[in-house]
């Protein structure tokens, strides 16, 4: 009977008619949405598929990022391995550079030794050209002239050790001037480093005024007819012309070595010619301060035949010209040191790689 009732309600609804108890209106007012079981299962499967695909994409991205991180770590580890050998390579290069410097130093000292063994050149002719002047370095020369003391320049302070006692002093550089009408005299001025003098020499030099012209080591000598009276000159048929005073200049011989300007280190102050402060030898500047041409030749006196009564200035020892602050043996010691250090750090690098 219930089945018949439901069928009647459905028939009335289809015909658009009413039904007792307001059944049609009630049926229309109900928001009923019919979903088939097949559609429901399809929607659930799509949601599950979307979720699984999203999970798979996230896992793929995470795996790719982990692979990139692993590659980056591998590259960094490779670079770090190579950097372990960098100190060994640098120290090995420094040792090789010391070998090259040693060979250059040996050639330089041999060149100086051969030049110093040649016979001294005599400066009696005209001034050499600039090309000849450049080729004269470390050649021994012999020249005669007269020192112009008033133009002396003191370079220093320079220390000198005597029997373990160190004393400060200076190098005194004085122009050697030509003597007119003297056959053996130089024909051009020469700057001469006469050697080392104590500090008192410069103090005395500064105390003496040098404004006026002074004679250059001249010795006056009187030449007259001794033993002859005035009556002899009266009765003589050939009277002799007598010079009341003849100026005789005693030439000074200098044996030295042609040198060039010094190359000061960064710790040496700059020269100040205006205040007569000279800390290193700058030949063109010293020549200008002495009133000489800039291309004046500069030599260092090495004559050991000094006057015992006047030991100053002390000439330079010629052996100092064939010595250097860093000798070939020192370069060899540096080479062994750098190579030993290179071997040590390379061994430590291999040992570190073995532990990783």
C-alpha atoms as a PDB file:
ATOM      1  CA  UNK A   1       0.000   0.000   0.000  1.00  0.00           C
ATOM      2  CA  UNK A   2       2.894   2.301   0.689  1.00  0.00           C
ATOM      3  CA  UNK A   3       4.223   1.589  -2.766  1.00  0.00           C
ATOM      4  CA  UNK A   4       0.963   2.585  -4.347  1.00  0.00           C
ATOM      5  CA  UNK A   5       0.962   5.813  -2.371  1.00  0.00           C
ATOM      6  CA  UNK A   6       4.435   6.794  -3.553  1.00  0.00           C
ATOM      7  CA  UNK A   7       3.592   5.961  -7.144  1.00  0.00           C
ATOM      8  CA  UNK A   8       0.469   8.141  -6.961  1.00  0.00           C
ATOM      9  CA  UNK A   9       2.503  11.068  -5.657  1.00  0.00           C
ATOM     10  CA  UNK A  10       5.007  10.754  -8.485  1.00  0.00           C
ATOM     11  CA  UNK A  11       2.232  10.569 -11.081  1.00  0.00           C
ATOM     12  CA  UNK A  12       0.588  13.675  -9.805  1.00  0.00           C
ATOM     13  CA  UNK A  13       3.890  15.512  -9.819  1.00  0.00           C
ATOM     14  CA  UNK A  14       4.556  14.612 -13.396  1.00  0.00           C
ATOM     15  CA  UNK A  15       1.140  15.826 -14.489  1.00  0.00           C
ATOM     16  CA  UNK A  16       1.722  19.106 -12.663  1.00  0.00           C
ATOM     17  CA  UNK A  17      -1.255  18.547 -10.483  1.00  0.00           C
ATOM     18  CA  UNK A  18      -1.511  18.996  -6.832  1.00  0.00           C
ATOM     19  CA  UNK A  19      -1.592  16.318  -4.278  1.00  0.00           C
ATOM     20  CA  UNK A  20      -3.105  16.029  -1.013  1.00  0.00           C
ATOM     21  CA  UNK A  21      -1.264  16.961   1.987  1.00  0.00           C
ATOM     22  CA  UNK A  22       0.822  19.483  -0.205  1.00  0.00           C
ATOM     23  CA  UNK A  23       3.099  16.702  -1.268  1.00  0.00           C
ATOM     24  CA  UNK A  24       4.112  18.296  -4.659  1.00  0.00           C
ATOM     25  CA  UNK A  25       5.119  21.599  -3.158  1.00  0.00           C
ATOM     26  CA  UNK A  26       7.041  19.886  -0.495  1.00  0.00           C
ATOM     27  CA  UNK A  27       8.876  17.822  -3.072  1.00  0.00           C
ATOM     28  CA  UNK A  28       9.777  20.893  -5.095  1.00  0.00           C
ATOM     29  CA  UNK A  29      11.009  22.780  -2.080  1.00  0.00           C
ATOM     30  CA  UNK A  30      13.458  20.125  -1.084  1.00  0.00           C
ATOM     31  CA  UNK A  31      17.041  20.979  -2.438  1.00  0.00           C
ATOM     32  CA  UNK A  32      17.827  17.470  -3.451  1.00  0.00           C
ATOM     33  CA  UNK A  33      20.836  16.886  -5.708  1.00  0.00           C
ATOM     34  CA  UNK A  34      21.224  13.461  -7.139  1.00  0.00           C
ATOM     35  CA  UNK A  35      24.682  12.146  -7.525  1.00  0.00           C
ATOM     36  CA  UNK A  36      25.246   8.849  -9.091  1.00  0.00           C
ATOM     37  CA  UNK A  37      27.625   6.414  -7.458  1.00  0.00           C
ATOM     38  CA  UNK A  38      29.768   6.281 -10.589  1.00  0.00           C
ATOM     39  CA  UNK A  39      30.258  10.045 -10.617  1.00  0.00           C
ATOM     40  CA  UNK A  40      31.150  10.036  -6.954  1.00  0.00           C
ATOM     41  CA  UNK A  41      33.777   7.403  -7.426  1.00  0.00           C
ATOM     42  CA  UNK A  42      35.270   9.281 -10.446  1.00  0.00           C
ATOM     43  CA  UNK A  43      35.560  12.535  -8.456  1.00  0.00           C
ATOM     44  CA  UNK A  44      37.285  10.779  -5.585  1.00  0.00           C
ATOM     45  CA  UNK A  45      39.729   9.154  -7.991  1.00  0.00           C
ATOM     46  CA  UNK A  46      40.562  12.550  -9.614  1.00  0.00           C
ATOM     47  CA  UNK A  47      41.252  14.152  -6.242  1.00  0.00           C
ATOM     48  CA  UNK A  48      43.498  11.301  -5.254  1.00  0.00           C
ATOM     49  CA  UNK A  49      45.333  11.499  -8.579  1.00  0.00           C
ATOM     50  CA  UNK A  50      45.910  15.254  -8.207  1.00  0.00           C
ATOM     51  CA  UNK A  51      47.219  14.820  -4.689  1.00  0.00           C
ATOM     52  CA  UNK A  52      49.543  12.022  -5.708  1.00  0.00           C
ATOM     53  CA  UNK A  53      50.891  14.025  -8.695  1.00  0.00           C
ATOM     54  CA  UNK A  54      51.551  17.032  -6.456  1.00  0.00           C
ATOM     55  CA  UNK A  55      53.375  14.796  -4.019  1.00  0.00           C
ATOM     56  CA  UNK A  56      55.433  13.310  -6.837  1.00  0.00           C
ATOM     57  CA  UNK A  57      56.384  16.789  -8.194  1.00  0.00           C
ATOM     58  CA  UNK A  58      57.442  17.949  -4.756  1.00  0.00           C
ATOM     59  CA  UNK A  59      59.572  14.860  -4.299  1.00  0.00           C
ATOM     60  CA  UNK A  60      61.122  15.401  -7.755  1.00  0.00           C
ATOM     61  CA  UNK A  61      62.008  19.032  -6.938  1.00  0.00           C
ATOM     62  CA  UNK A  62      63.477  18.068  -3.603  1.00  0.00           C
ATOM     63  CA  UNK A  63      65.537  15.307  -5.187  1.00  0.00           C
ATOM     64  CA  UNK A  64      66.840  17.619  -7.936  1.00  0.00           C
ATOM     65  CA  UNK A  65      67.768  20.297  -5.382  1.00  0.00           C
ATOM     66  CA  UNK A  66      69.556  17.717  -3.287  1.00  0.00           C
ATOM     67  CA  UNK A  67      71.445  16.577  -6.363  1.00  0.00           C
ATOM     68  CA  UNK A  68      72.494  20.174  -7.145  1.00  0.00           C
ATOM     69  CA  UNK A  69      73.622  20.666  -3.577  1.00  0.00           C
ATOM     70  CA  UNK A  70      75.614  17.470  -3.777  1.00  0.00           C
ATOM     71  CA  UNK A  71      77.251  18.644  -7.019  1.00  0.00           C
ATOM     72  CA  UNK A  72      78.101  22.029  -5.472  1.00  0.00           C
ATOM     73  CA  UNK A  73      79.589  20.318  -2.455  1.00  0.00           C
ATOM     74  CA  UNK A  74      81.599  18.074  -4.739  1.00  0.00           C
ATOM     75  CA  UNK A  75      82.970  21.058  -6.663  1.00  0.00           C
ATOM     76  CA  UNK A  76      83.814  22.907  -3.448  1.00  0.00           C
ATOM     77  CA  UNK A  77      85.572  19.861  -2.102  1.00  0.00           C
ATOM     78  CA  UNK A  78      87.584  19.552  -5.335  1.00  0.00           C
ATOM     79  CA  UNK A  79      88.626  23.210  -5.118  1.00  0.00           C
ATOM     80  CA  UNK A  80      89.538  22.839  -1.457  1.00  0.00           C
ATOM     81  CA  UNK A  81      91.694  19.848  -2.347  1.00  0.00           C
ATOM     82  CA  UNK A  82      93.588  21.869  -4.943  1.00  0.00           C
ATOM     83  CA  UNK A  83      93.995  24.802  -2.540  1.00  0.00           C
ATOM     84  CA  UNK A  84      95.854  22.526  -0.158  1.00  0.00           C
ATOM     85  CA  UNK A  85      98.696  22.366  -2.681  1.00  0.00           C
ATOM     86  CA  UNK A  86      98.852  26.152  -3.263  1.00  0.00           C
ATOM     87  CA  UNK A  87     101.352  26.933  -0.443  1.00  0.00           C
ATOM     88  CA  UNK A  88     103.659  24.208  -1.720  1.00  0.00           C
ATOM     89  CA  UNK A  89     103.541  25.614  -5.255  1.00  0.00           C
ATOM     90  CA  UNK A  90     104.255  29.154  -4.052  1.00  0.00           C
ATOM     91  CA  UNK A  91     107.231  28.135  -1.910  1.00  0.00           C
ATOM     92  CA  UNK A  92     108.580  26.004  -4.751  1.00  0.00           C
ATOM     93  CA  UNK A  93     108.398  29.020  -7.072  1.00  0.00           C
ATOM     94  CA  UNK A  94     110.252  31.177  -4.547  1.00  0.00           C
ATOM     95  CA  UNK A  95     113.012  28.592  -4.299  1.00  0.00           C
ATOM     96  CA  UNK A  96     113.356  28.504  -8.093  1.00  0.00           C
ATOM     97  CA  UNK A  97     113.488  32.308  -8.186  1.00  0.00           C
ATOM     98  CA  UNK A  98     116.376  32.240  -5.691  1.00  0.00           C
ATOM     99  CA  UNK A  99     118.301  29.930  -8.028  1.00  0.00           C
ATOM    100  CA  UNK A 100     117.860  32.421 -10.870  1.00  0.00           C
ATOM    101  CA  UNK A 101     118.938  35.318  -8.634  1.00  0.00           C
ATOM    102  CA  UNK A 102     122.020  33.360  -7.558  1.00  0.00           C
ATOM    103  CA  UNK A 103     123.141  32.898 -11.164  1.00  0.00           C
ATOM    104  CA  UNK A 104     122.599  36.602 -11.883  1.00  0.00           C
ATOM    105  CA  UNK A 105     124.587  37.590  -8.794  1.00  0.00           C
ATOM    106  CA  UNK A 106     127.499  35.315  -9.768  1.00  0.00           C
ATOM    107  CA  UNK A 107     127.664  36.855 -13.239  1.00  0.00           C
ATOM    108  CA  UNK A 108     127.518  40.376 -11.821  1.00  0.00           C
ATOM    109  CA  UNK A 109     130.358  39.825  -9.330  1.00  0.00           C
ATOM    110  CA  UNK A 110     132.507  38.103 -11.969  1.00  0.00           C
ATOM    111  CA  UNK A 111     131.954  41.072 -14.280  1.00  0.00           C
ATOM    112  CA  UNK A 112     133.067  43.501 -11.578  1.00  0.00           C
ATOM    113  CA  UNK A 113     136.103  41.385 -10.747  1.00  0.00           C
ATOM    114  CA  UNK A 114     137.263  41.329 -14.356  1.00  0.00           C
ATOM    115  CA  UNK A 115     136.768  45.080 -14.724  1.00  0.00           C
ATOM    116  CA  UNK A 116     138.758  45.848 -11.609  1.00  0.00           C
ATOM    117  CA  UNK A 117     141.659  43.701 -12.796  1.00  0.00           C
ATOM    118  CA  UNK A 118     142.187  45.870 -15.889  1.00  0.00           C
ATOM    119  CA  UNK A 119     144.868  48.538 -16.003  1.00  0.00           C
ATOM    120  CA  UNK A 120     143.742  51.972 -14.781  1.00  0.00           C
ATOM    121  CA  UNK A 121     142.698  54.460 -17.423  1.00  0.00           C
ATOM    122  CA  UNK A 122     144.280  57.893 -17.373  1.00  0.00           C
ATOM    123  CA  UNK A 123     141.977  60.867 -17.581  1.00  0.00           C
ATOM    124  CA  UNK A 124     144.074  63.441 -19.386  1.00  0.00           C
ATOM    125  CA  UNK A 125     142.101  64.048 -22.571  1.00  0.00           C
ATOM    126  CA  UNK A 126     138.770  65.676 -23.155  1.00  0.00           C
ATOM    127  CA  UNK A 127     135.675  64.597 -21.292  1.00  0.00           C
ATOM    128  CA  UNK A 128     134.313  61.253 -22.536  1.00  0.00           C
ATOM    129  CA  UNK A 129     130.958  61.084 -24.237  1.00  0.00           C
ATOM    130  CA  UNK A 130     127.825  59.853 -22.515  1.00  0.00           C
ATOM    131  CA  UNK A 131     128.120  56.416 -24.148  1.00  0.00           C
ATOM    132  CA  UNK A 132     131.735  56.059 -23.068  1.00  0.00           C
ATOM    133  CA  UNK A 133     130.809  57.261 -19.592  1.00  0.00           C
ATOM    134  CA  UNK A 134     128.207  54.516 -19.226  1.00  0.00           C
ATOM    135  CA  UNK A 135     130.756  51.875 -20.201  1.00  0.00           C
ATOM    136  CA  UNK A 136     133.307  53.089 -17.643  1.00  0.00           C
ATOM    137  CA  UNK A 137     131.510  51.917 -14.518  1.00  0.00           C
ATOM    138  CA  UNK A 138     133.690  49.680 -12.328  1.00  0.00           C
ATOM    139  CA  UNK A 139     136.796  50.645 -14.293  1.00  0.00           C
ATOM    140  CA  UNK A 140     139.822  51.838 -12.393  1.00  0.00           C
ATOM    141  CA  UNK A 141     141.013  55.277 -13.445  1.00  0.00           C
ATOM    142  CA  UNK A 142     143.935  57.530 -12.599  1.00  0.00           C
ATOM    143  CA  UNK A 143     143.570  61.284 -12.709  1.00  0.00           C
ATOM    144  CA  UNK A 144     145.500  64.293 -11.453  1.00  0.00           C
ATOM    145  CA  UNK A 145     144.189  67.670 -10.436  1.00  0.00           C
ATOM    146  CA  UNK A 146     143.535  69.769  -7.378  1.00  0.00           C
ATOM    147  CA  UNK A 147     140.726  69.440  -4.839  1.00  0.00           C
ATOM    148  CA  UNK A 148     138.299  72.316  -4.418  1.00  0.00           C
ATOM    149  CA  UNK A 149     137.673  71.936  -0.688  1.00  0.00           C
ATOM    150  CA  UNK A 150     135.077  74.693  -0.506  1.00  0.00           C
ATOM    151  CA  UNK A 151     132.716  72.635  -2.688  1.00  0.00           C
ATOM    152  CA  UNK A 152     132.907  69.500  -0.575  1.00  0.00           C
ATOM    153  CA  UNK A 153     129.670  67.651   0.155  1.00  0.00           C
ATOM    154  CA  UNK A 154     129.140  65.279   3.070  1.00  0.00           C
ATOM    155  CA  UNK A 155     126.876  62.262   2.552  1.00  0.00           C
ATOM    156  CA  UNK A 156     125.626  60.386   5.569  1.00  0.00           C
ATOM    157  CA  UNK A 157     125.589  59.563   8.340  1.00  0.00           C
ATOM    158  CA  UNK A 158     127.585  56.419   7.560  1.00  0.00           C
ATOM    159  CA  UNK A 159     128.876  54.154  10.293  1.00  0.00           C
ATOM    160  CA  UNK A 160     132.302  52.570  10.384  1.00  0.00           C
ATOM    161  CA  UNK A 161     133.363  49.753  12.690  1.00  0.00           C
ATOM    162  CA  UNK A 162     136.939  49.803  14.043  1.00  0.00           C
ATOM    163  CA  UNK A 163     137.982  46.964  16.359  1.00  0.00           C
ATOM    164  CA  UNK A 164     134.373  46.323  17.262  1.00  0.00           C
ATOM    165  CA  UNK A 165     133.658  50.003  17.988  1.00  0.00           C
ATOM    166  CA  UNK A 166     131.126  51.685  15.701  1.00  0.00           C
ATOM    167  CA  UNK A 167     131.637  55.346  14.889  1.00  0.00           C
ATOM    168  CA  UNK A 168     129.342  57.568  12.852  1.00  0.00           C
ATOM    169  CA  UNK A 169     130.723  59.754  10.132  1.00  0.00           C
ATOM    170  CA  UNK A 170     130.271  60.806   6.516  1.00  0.00           C
ATOM    171  CA  UNK A 171     131.538  60.257   3.013  1.00  0.00           C
ATOM    172  CA  UNK A 172     133.187  63.419   1.760  1.00  0.00           C
ATOM    173  CA  UNK A 173     132.803  64.136  -1.962  1.00  0.00           C
ATOM    174  CA  UNK A 174     135.047  66.848  -3.380  1.00  0.00           C
ATOM    175  CA  UNK A 175     135.448  68.076  -6.987  1.00  0.00           C
ATOM    176  CA  UNK A 176     138.846  67.421  -8.539  1.00  0.00           C
ATOM    177  CA  UNK A 177     139.510  70.463 -10.713  1.00  0.00           C
ATOM    178  CA  UNK A 178     141.893  70.672 -13.695  1.00  0.00           C
ATOM    179  CA  UNK A 179     145.185  72.547 -13.428  1.00  0.00           C
ATOM    180  CA  UNK A 180     145.720  75.029 -16.257  1.00  0.00           C
ATOM    181  CA  UNK A 181     148.709  74.382 -18.507  1.00  0.00           C
ATOM    182  CA  UNK A 182     149.529  71.118 -16.751  1.00  0.00           C
ATOM    183  CA  UNK A 183     150.147  68.238 -19.170  1.00  0.00           C
ATOM    184  CA  UNK A 184     149.143  65.478 -16.760  1.00  0.00           C
ATOM    185  CA  UNK A 185     146.088  67.202 -15.310  1.00  0.00           C
ATOM    186  CA  UNK A 186     142.537  66.282 -16.142  1.00  0.00           C
ATOM    187  CA  UNK A 187     140.834  68.545 -18.632  1.00  0.00           C
ATOM    188  CA  UNK A 188     137.405  68.339 -16.963  1.00  0.00           C
ATOM    189  CA  UNK A 189     136.131  68.317 -13.352  1.00  0.00           C
ATOM    190  CA  UNK A 190     135.648  64.974 -11.601  1.00  0.00           C
ATOM    191  CA  UNK A 191     133.628  64.254  -8.462  1.00  0.00           C
ATOM    192  CA  UNK A 192     135.729  62.171  -6.075  1.00  0.00           C
ATOM    193  CA  UNK A 193     134.407  60.277  -3.083  1.00  0.00           C
ATOM    194  CA  UNK A 194     137.521  60.589  -0.979  1.00  0.00           C
ATOM    195  CA  UNK A 195     136.278  58.183   1.679  1.00  0.00           C
ATOM    196  CA  UNK A 196     135.003  58.143   5.231  1.00  0.00           C
ATOM    197  CA  UNK A 197     135.628  60.980   7.695  1.00  0.00           C
ATOM    198  CA  UNK A 198     134.470  61.382  11.307  1.00  0.00           C
ATOM    199  CA  UNK A 199     131.669  63.723  12.289  1.00  0.00           C
ATOM    200  CA  UNK A 200     134.153  66.366  13.451  1.00  0.00           C
ATOM    201  CA  UNK A 201     135.219  66.952   9.852  1.00  0.00           C
ATOM    202  CA  UNK A 202     131.777  68.130   8.864  1.00  0.00           C
ATOM    203  CA  UNK A 203     131.467  70.275  11.989  1.00  0.00           C
ATOM    204  CA  UNK A 204     134.736  72.060  11.182  1.00  0.00           C
ATOM    205  CA  UNK A 205     133.687  72.444   7.551  1.00  0.00           C
ATOM    206  CA  UNK A 206     130.439  74.141   8.570  1.00  0.00           C
ATOM    207  CA  UNK A 207     132.249  76.495  10.920  1.00  0.00           C
ATOM    208  CA  UNK A 208     134.516  77.842   8.162  1.00  0.00           C
ATOM    209  CA  UNK A 209     132.819  80.446   5.885  1.00  0.00           C
ATOM    210  CA  UNK A 210     132.916  79.485   2.212  1.00  0.00           C
ATOM    211  CA  UNK A 211     131.417  82.536   0.630  1.00  0.00           C
ATOM    212  CA  UNK A 212     134.515  83.973  -0.963  1.00  0.00           C
ATOM    213  CA  UNK A 213     136.872  82.480  -3.481  1.00  0.00           C
ATOM    214  CA  UNK A 214     139.800  80.574  -2.037  1.00  0.00           C
ATOM    215  CA  UNK A 215     142.969  79.376  -3.711  1.00  0.00           C
ATOM    216  CA  UNK A 216     143.017  75.679  -4.620  1.00  0.00           C
ATOM    217  CA  UNK A 217     145.965  74.116  -2.777  1.00  0.00           C
ATOM    218  CA  UNK A 218     148.487  76.567  -4.138  1.00  0.00           C
ATOM    219  CA  UNK A 219     151.849  77.100  -2.602  1.00  0.00           C
ATOM    220  CA  UNK A 220     153.628  80.384  -3.327  1.00  0.00           C
ATOM    221  CA  UNK A 221     157.350  80.122  -3.983  1.00  0.00           C
ATOM    222  CA  UNK A 222     159.750  83.000  -4.458  1.00  0.00           C
ATOM    223  CA  UNK A 223     162.211  82.750  -7.327  1.00  0.00           C
ATOM    224  CA  UNK A 224     165.121  85.203  -7.305  1.00  0.00           C
ATOM    225  CA  UNK A 225     168.825  85.297  -7.996  1.00  0.00           C
ATOM    226  CA  UNK A 226     170.275  84.492  -4.595  1.00  0.00           C
ATOM    227  CA  UNK A 227     173.824  85.523  -3.826  1.00  0.00           C
ATOM    228  CA  UNK A 228     173.855  88.279  -6.403  1.00  0.00           C
ATOM    229  CA  UNK A 229     174.026  91.875  -5.289  1.00  0.00           C
ATOM    230  CA  UNK A 230     172.580  94.887  -6.954  1.00  0.00           C
ATOM    231  CA  UNK A 231     175.908  95.850  -8.476  1.00  0.00           C
ATOM    232  CA  UNK A 232     175.994  92.539 -10.323  1.00  0.00           C
ATOM    233  CA  UNK A 233     172.640  93.303 -11.919  1.00  0.00           C
ATOM    234  CA  UNK A 234     173.954  96.778 -12.807  1.00  0.00           C
ATOM    235  CA  UNK A 235     177.088  95.527 -14.574  1.00  0.00           C
ATOM    236  CA  UNK A 236     175.497  92.460 -16.130  1.00  0.00           C
ATOM    237  CA  UNK A 237     174.981  92.744 -19.881  1.00  0.00           C
ATOM    238  CA  UNK A 238     172.084  90.268 -19.919  1.00  0.00           C
ATOM    239  CA  UNK A 239     169.960  91.072 -16.906  1.00  0.00           C
ATOM    240  CA  UNK A 240     167.619  88.296 -15.792  1.00  0.00           C
ATOM    241  CA  UNK A 241     163.914  89.020 -15.494  1.00  0.00           C
ATOM    242  CA  UNK A 242     163.021  88.054 -11.962  1.00  0.00           C
ATOM    243  CA  UNK A 243     159.503  87.106 -10.966  1.00  0.00           C
ATOM    244  CA  UNK A 244     158.730  88.263  -7.510  1.00  0.00           C
ATOM    245  CA  UNK A 245     156.204  85.472  -6.883  1.00  0.00           C
ATOM    246  CA  UNK A 246     155.369  82.351  -8.788  1.00  0.00           C
ATOM    247  CA  UNK A 247     152.313  80.353  -7.932  1.00  0.00           C
ATOM    248  CA  UNK A 248     153.024  76.609  -8.039  1.00  0.00           C
ATOM    249  CA  UNK A 249     150.156  74.142  -7.819  1.00  0.00           C
ATOM    250  CA  UNK A 250     150.921  70.670  -6.503  1.00  0.00           C
ATOM    251  CA  UNK A 251     148.803  68.128  -8.415  1.00  0.00           C
ATOM    252  CA  UNK A 252     147.042  65.400  -6.481  1.00  0.00           C
ATOM    253  CA  UNK A 253     146.815  61.944  -8.027  1.00  0.00           C
ATOM    254  CA  UNK A 254     143.620  60.010  -7.430  1.00  0.00           C
ATOM    255  CA  UNK A 255     143.221  56.324  -8.209  1.00  0.00           C
ATOM    256  CA  UNK A 256     139.604  55.345  -8.060  1.00  0.00           C
ATOM    257  CA  UNK A 257     136.745  53.379  -9.583  1.00  0.00           C
ATOM    258  CA  UNK A 258     134.030  54.926 -11.723  1.00  0.00           C
ATOM    259  CA  UNK A 259     130.645  54.499 -10.062  1.00  0.00           C
ATOM    260  CA  UNK A 260     127.075  55.701 -10.469  1.00  0.00           C
ATOM    261  CA  UNK A 261     124.339  57.009  -8.218  1.00  0.00           C
ATOM    262  CA  UNK A 262     123.143  54.957  -5.260  1.00  0.00           C
ATOM    263  CA  UNK A 263     119.670  53.401  -5.190  1.00  0.00           C
ATOM    264  CA  UNK A 264     118.267  54.209  -1.757  1.00  0.00           C
ATOM    265  CA  UNK A 265     115.704  52.052  -0.018  1.00  0.00           C
ATOM    266  CA  UNK A 266     112.257  53.315   0.958  1.00  0.00           C
ATOM    267  CA  UNK A 267     113.503  53.969   4.494  1.00  0.00           C
ATOM    268  CA  UNK A 268     116.195  56.489   3.409  1.00  0.00           C
ATOM    269  CA  UNK A 269     115.016  60.125   3.538  1.00  0.00           C
ATOM    270  CA  UNK A 270     115.147  62.298   0.454  1.00  0.00           C
ATOM    271  CA  UNK A 271     118.138  64.591  -0.071  1.00  0.00           C
ATOM    272  CA  UNK A 272     117.709  68.265   0.755  1.00  0.00           C
ATOM    273  CA  UNK A 273     120.348  70.269  -1.143  1.00  0.00           C
ATOM    274  CA  UNK A 274     119.062  73.587   0.231  1.00  0.00           C
ATOM    275  CA  UNK A 275     120.019  72.586   3.787  1.00  0.00           C
ATOM    276  CA  UNK A 276     123.080  70.532   2.723  1.00  0.00           C
ATOM    277  CA  UNK A 277     121.452  67.292   3.867  1.00  0.00           C
ATOM    278  CA  UNK A 278     122.664  64.402   1.723  1.00  0.00           C
ATOM    279  CA  UNK A 279     121.598  60.900   2.746  1.00  0.00           C
ATOM    280  CA  UNK A 280     122.642  59.018  -0.399  1.00  0.00           C
ATOM    281  CA  UNK A 281     124.788  59.634  -3.470  1.00  0.00           C
ATOM    282  CA  UNK A 282     122.848  61.283  -6.288  1.00  0.00           C
ATOM    283  CA  UNK A 283     125.520  62.208  -8.832  1.00  0.00           C
ATOM    284  CA  UNK A 284     123.528  64.688 -10.981  1.00  0.00           C
ATOM    285  CA  UNK A 285     122.139  66.487  -7.907  1.00  0.00           C
ATOM    286  CA  UNK A 286     125.554  66.660  -6.213  1.00  0.00           C
ATOM    287  CA  UNK A 287     127.100  67.961  -9.427  1.00  0.00           C
ATOM    288  CA  UNK A 288     124.481  70.721  -9.635  1.00  0.00           C
ATOM    289  CA  UNK A 289     125.046  71.650  -5.999  1.00  0.00           C
ATOM    290  CA  UNK A 290     128.795  71.868  -6.696  1.00  0.00           C
ATOM    291  CA  UNK A 291     128.286  74.095  -9.714  1.00  0.00           C
ATOM    292  CA  UNK A 292     129.306  71.359 -12.172  1.00  0.00           C
ATOM    293  CA  UNK A 293     127.520  69.774 -15.155  1.00  0.00           C
ATOM    294  CA  UNK A 294     125.087  66.970 -14.377  1.00  0.00           C
ATOM    295  CA  UNK A 295     127.065  64.500 -16.493  1.00  0.00           C
ATOM    296  CA  UNK A 296     130.186  64.909 -14.334  1.00  0.00           C
ATOM    297  CA  UNK A 297     132.029  61.634 -13.751  1.00  0.00           C
ATOM    298  CA  UNK A 298     131.901  60.283 -10.202  1.00  0.00           C
ATOM    299  CA  UNK A 299     134.668  58.035  -8.869  1.00  0.00           C
ATOM    300  CA  UNK A 300     135.389  56.430  -5.500  1.00  0.00           C
ATOM    301  CA  UNK A 301     138.940  56.709  -4.219  1.00  0.00           C
ATOM    302  CA  UNK A 302     140.551  53.322  -3.499  1.00  0.00           C
ATOM    303  CA  UNK A 303     144.136  54.495  -3.068  1.00  0.00           C
ATOM    304  CA  UNK A 304     145.490  52.770   0.037  1.00  0.00           C
ATOM    305  CA  UNK A 305     148.776  54.683   0.072  1.00  0.00           C
ATOM    306  CA  UNK A 306     147.586  57.292   2.516  1.00  0.00           C
ATOM    307  CA  UNK A 307     149.483  59.634   4.758  1.00  0.00           C
ATOM    308  CA  UNK A 308     149.928  58.050   8.226  1.00  0.00           C
ATOM    309  CA  UNK A 309     150.052  61.468   9.857  1.00  0.00           C
ATOM    310  CA  UNK A 310     146.677  62.363   8.325  1.00  0.00           C
ATOM    311  CA  UNK A 311     144.621  59.146   8.103  1.00  0.00           C
ATOM    312  CA  UNK A 312     141.400  60.847   7.039  1.00  0.00           C
ATOM    313  CA  UNK A 313     139.597  60.515   4.710  1.00  0.00           C
ATOM    314  CA  UNK A 314     139.730  56.711   4.745  1.00  0.00           C
ATOM    315  CA  UNK A 315     139.384  55.445   1.143  1.00  0.00           C
ATOM    316  CA  UNK A 316     137.011  52.645   0.334  1.00  0.00           C
ATOM    317  CA  UNK A 317     138.233  49.071   0.348  1.00  0.00           C
ATOM    318  CA  UNK A 318     138.237  47.747  -3.204  1.00  0.00           C
ATOM    319  CA  UNK A 319     136.988  44.384  -1.940  1.00  0.00           C
ATOM    320  CA  UNK A 320     133.677  46.003  -1.005  1.00  0.00           C
ATOM    321  CA  UNK A 321     133.016  46.516  -4.713  1.00  0.00           C
ATOM    322  CA  UNK A 322     132.983  42.763  -5.341  1.00  0.00           C
ATOM    323  CA  UNK A 323     130.711  42.057  -2.400  1.00  0.00           C
ATOM    324  CA  UNK A 324     126.983  42.386  -2.108  1.00  0.00           C
ATOM    325  CA  UNK A 325     124.479  42.563   0.717  1.00  0.00           C
ATOM    326  CA  UNK A 326     123.169  39.185  -0.473  1.00  0.00           C
ATOM    327  CA  UNK A 327     125.942  36.924  -1.733  1.00  0.00           C
ATOM    328  CA  UNK A 328     125.465  33.808  -3.922  1.00  0.00           C
ATOM    329  CA  UNK A 329     125.850  31.562  -0.879  1.00  0.00           C
ATOM    330  CA  UNK A 330     122.971  33.407   0.787  1.00  0.00           C
ATOM    331  CA  UNK A 331     120.792  32.783  -2.258  1.00  0.00           C
ATOM    332  CA  UNK A 332     121.658  29.080  -2.048  1.00  0.00           C
ATOM    333  CA  UNK A 333     120.631  28.992   1.609  1.00  0.00           C
ATOM    334  CA  UNK A 334     117.348  30.703   0.746  1.00  0.00           C
ATOM    335  CA  UNK A 335     116.768  28.132  -2.014  1.00  0.00           C
ATOM    336  CA  UNK A 336     117.194  25.212   0.372  1.00  0.00           C
ATOM    337  CA  UNK A 337     114.892  26.867   2.888  1.00  0.00           C
ATOM    338  CA  UNK A 338     112.078  27.450   0.370  1.00  0.00           C
ATOM    339  CA  UNK A 339     112.346  23.967  -1.116  1.00  0.00           C
ATOM    340  CA  UNK A 340     112.268  22.366   2.336  1.00  0.00           C
ATOM    341  CA  UNK A 341     109.184  24.358   3.235  1.00  0.00           C
ATOM    342  CA  UNK A 342     107.547  23.388  -0.068  1.00  0.00           C
ATOM    343  CA  UNK A 343     108.184  19.695   0.579  1.00  0.00           C
ATOM    344  CA  UNK A 344     106.790  19.968   4.109  1.00  0.00           C
ATOM    345  CA  UNK A 345     103.498  21.677   3.180  1.00  0.00           C
ATOM    346  CA  UNK A 346     103.005  19.362   0.172  1.00  0.00           C
ATOM    347  CA  UNK A 347     103.418  16.317   2.411  1.00  0.00           C
ATOM    348  CA  UNK A 348     100.867  17.760   4.841  1.00  0.00           C
ATOM    349  CA  UNK A 349      98.437  18.296   1.935  1.00  0.00           C
ATOM    350  CA  UNK A 350      98.711  14.653   0.823  1.00  0.00           C
ATOM    351  CA  UNK A 351      98.262  13.501   4.382  1.00  0.00           C
ATOM    352  CA  UNK A 352      95.153  15.633   4.765  1.00  0.00           C
ATOM    353  CA  UNK A 353      93.656  14.179   1.577  1.00  0.00           C
ATOM    354  CA  UNK A 354      94.329  10.667   2.826  1.00  0.00           C
ATOM    355  CA  UNK A 355      92.292  11.310   5.952  1.00  0.00           C
ATOM    356  CA  UNK A 356      89.254  12.672   4.048  1.00  0.00           C
END
